[in-house]
Amino acid sequence: MASWDLAVVLGGIGLGLAIDTWRRSTVSSSVRPSTSAAAKTTQNSDVAVSDASGSNTSGSDASALGYWAAIELAQFKGSFLARTSHELRSPLNGLISSLQMIQADLCDSPEEEREYIGMAHDAALKFVGLLDEVIGVSKVQWGSRPLKPEAIDLDLLLQEIAYLTHLQAQNRNLKVHFPDLEEDISIYGDRQCLQQALTILVDIPLTLMQEGKICVDCQVVGQQVQITFQDDRSQADWDSAIAALNLPAPEFAALQPPAETPSVTAQPSLPEFSPTLRLLIAKELLMANQANLEIVQASDRPQLRCLIPLASIERSRQ
């Protein structure tokens, strides 16, 4: 366990260095090609937002961001089983109950016995399917690799996020609605960064809400894709989120523990991240991909709005 945590930390630090390197090259060489004057204006405004928000951090801040992003992901995976316990127990209980009916010879006829055998079979298949999903979540991880900005199919990315969050929603009887995109939309950025950031934005209200639903919507706005997140969290939770996003960029380096030589036998405990800190991590991961995150006031309640660069034809061919 300790060696795995050490690998996560080292991988996160390496990712942070890659984020810093890519940010610098993006701003200095304008690697985001544009096909019109409007696109150039959008690019310049993106860089301005990045500068104003303090996303062009030092190498130590970028390394710390990678560190905390890796820890956040480890915490997400660590709490996954606890938060999906009901969904995992349900088919297992059904399997056990069906087998008990057969074992205790409580069936009135061979037909009823075959019916319970079929129910046990279906429950076993469902349980195996859930185990496959748990294994899939356990394989989601940061690697010590440079950022790989690329054209990403938005519909596939949203399916991945739904895959990572639907069990938590079912476990708490919450509804999560993802859009059925009628057109092919591709965004530009690092897949793992964007996947973790958007998963955080869906998962935060799942931890805060006792009832209600979460609605995700997407539309193309100029050279960007606008993704909005609406949910039924309390006004107090919205106020905390608004206050967090209005603060200057967090100094993640200040949160990082002093550098020490890790002990092979130590069993470090992962810090409990507040929804506010997770929101700030999501914002920084988005800004590392020249995207932006803000809270806007809708007709009845606030909503999160994320703007991600649209992948142009030139980007897709790179």
Foldseek 3Di string as FASTA:
>chain_A
DLVVLVQLQVLLLLALLLLLVLVVCCVPVVPPDDDDPVVVVVSVVLVVVCVVQVLNDDSLQSSLLSNVLSLVLVVLLVCVCVLLVVVLVVLVVLLVVLVVCVVVVVDPDVVVNVVSVVSNVVSVVSNVVVVVLSVVSVPLGRGSDHFDKAWAFVVVLVVVLCSSCVSSCVSLVEAEDEDDDPDTFIFITGSSLLSSLVSLVVVLVSVQDNYWYKYWDWDDDVQKIKIKIDIDGDVVVVVLQQVLVPDRQDRSSVVDDDDDDDDPPDDDDRDDDDSSVSNSSSQSSQSSQSKGWHWDQDPPGIMIMIITGTQDPVRNVD
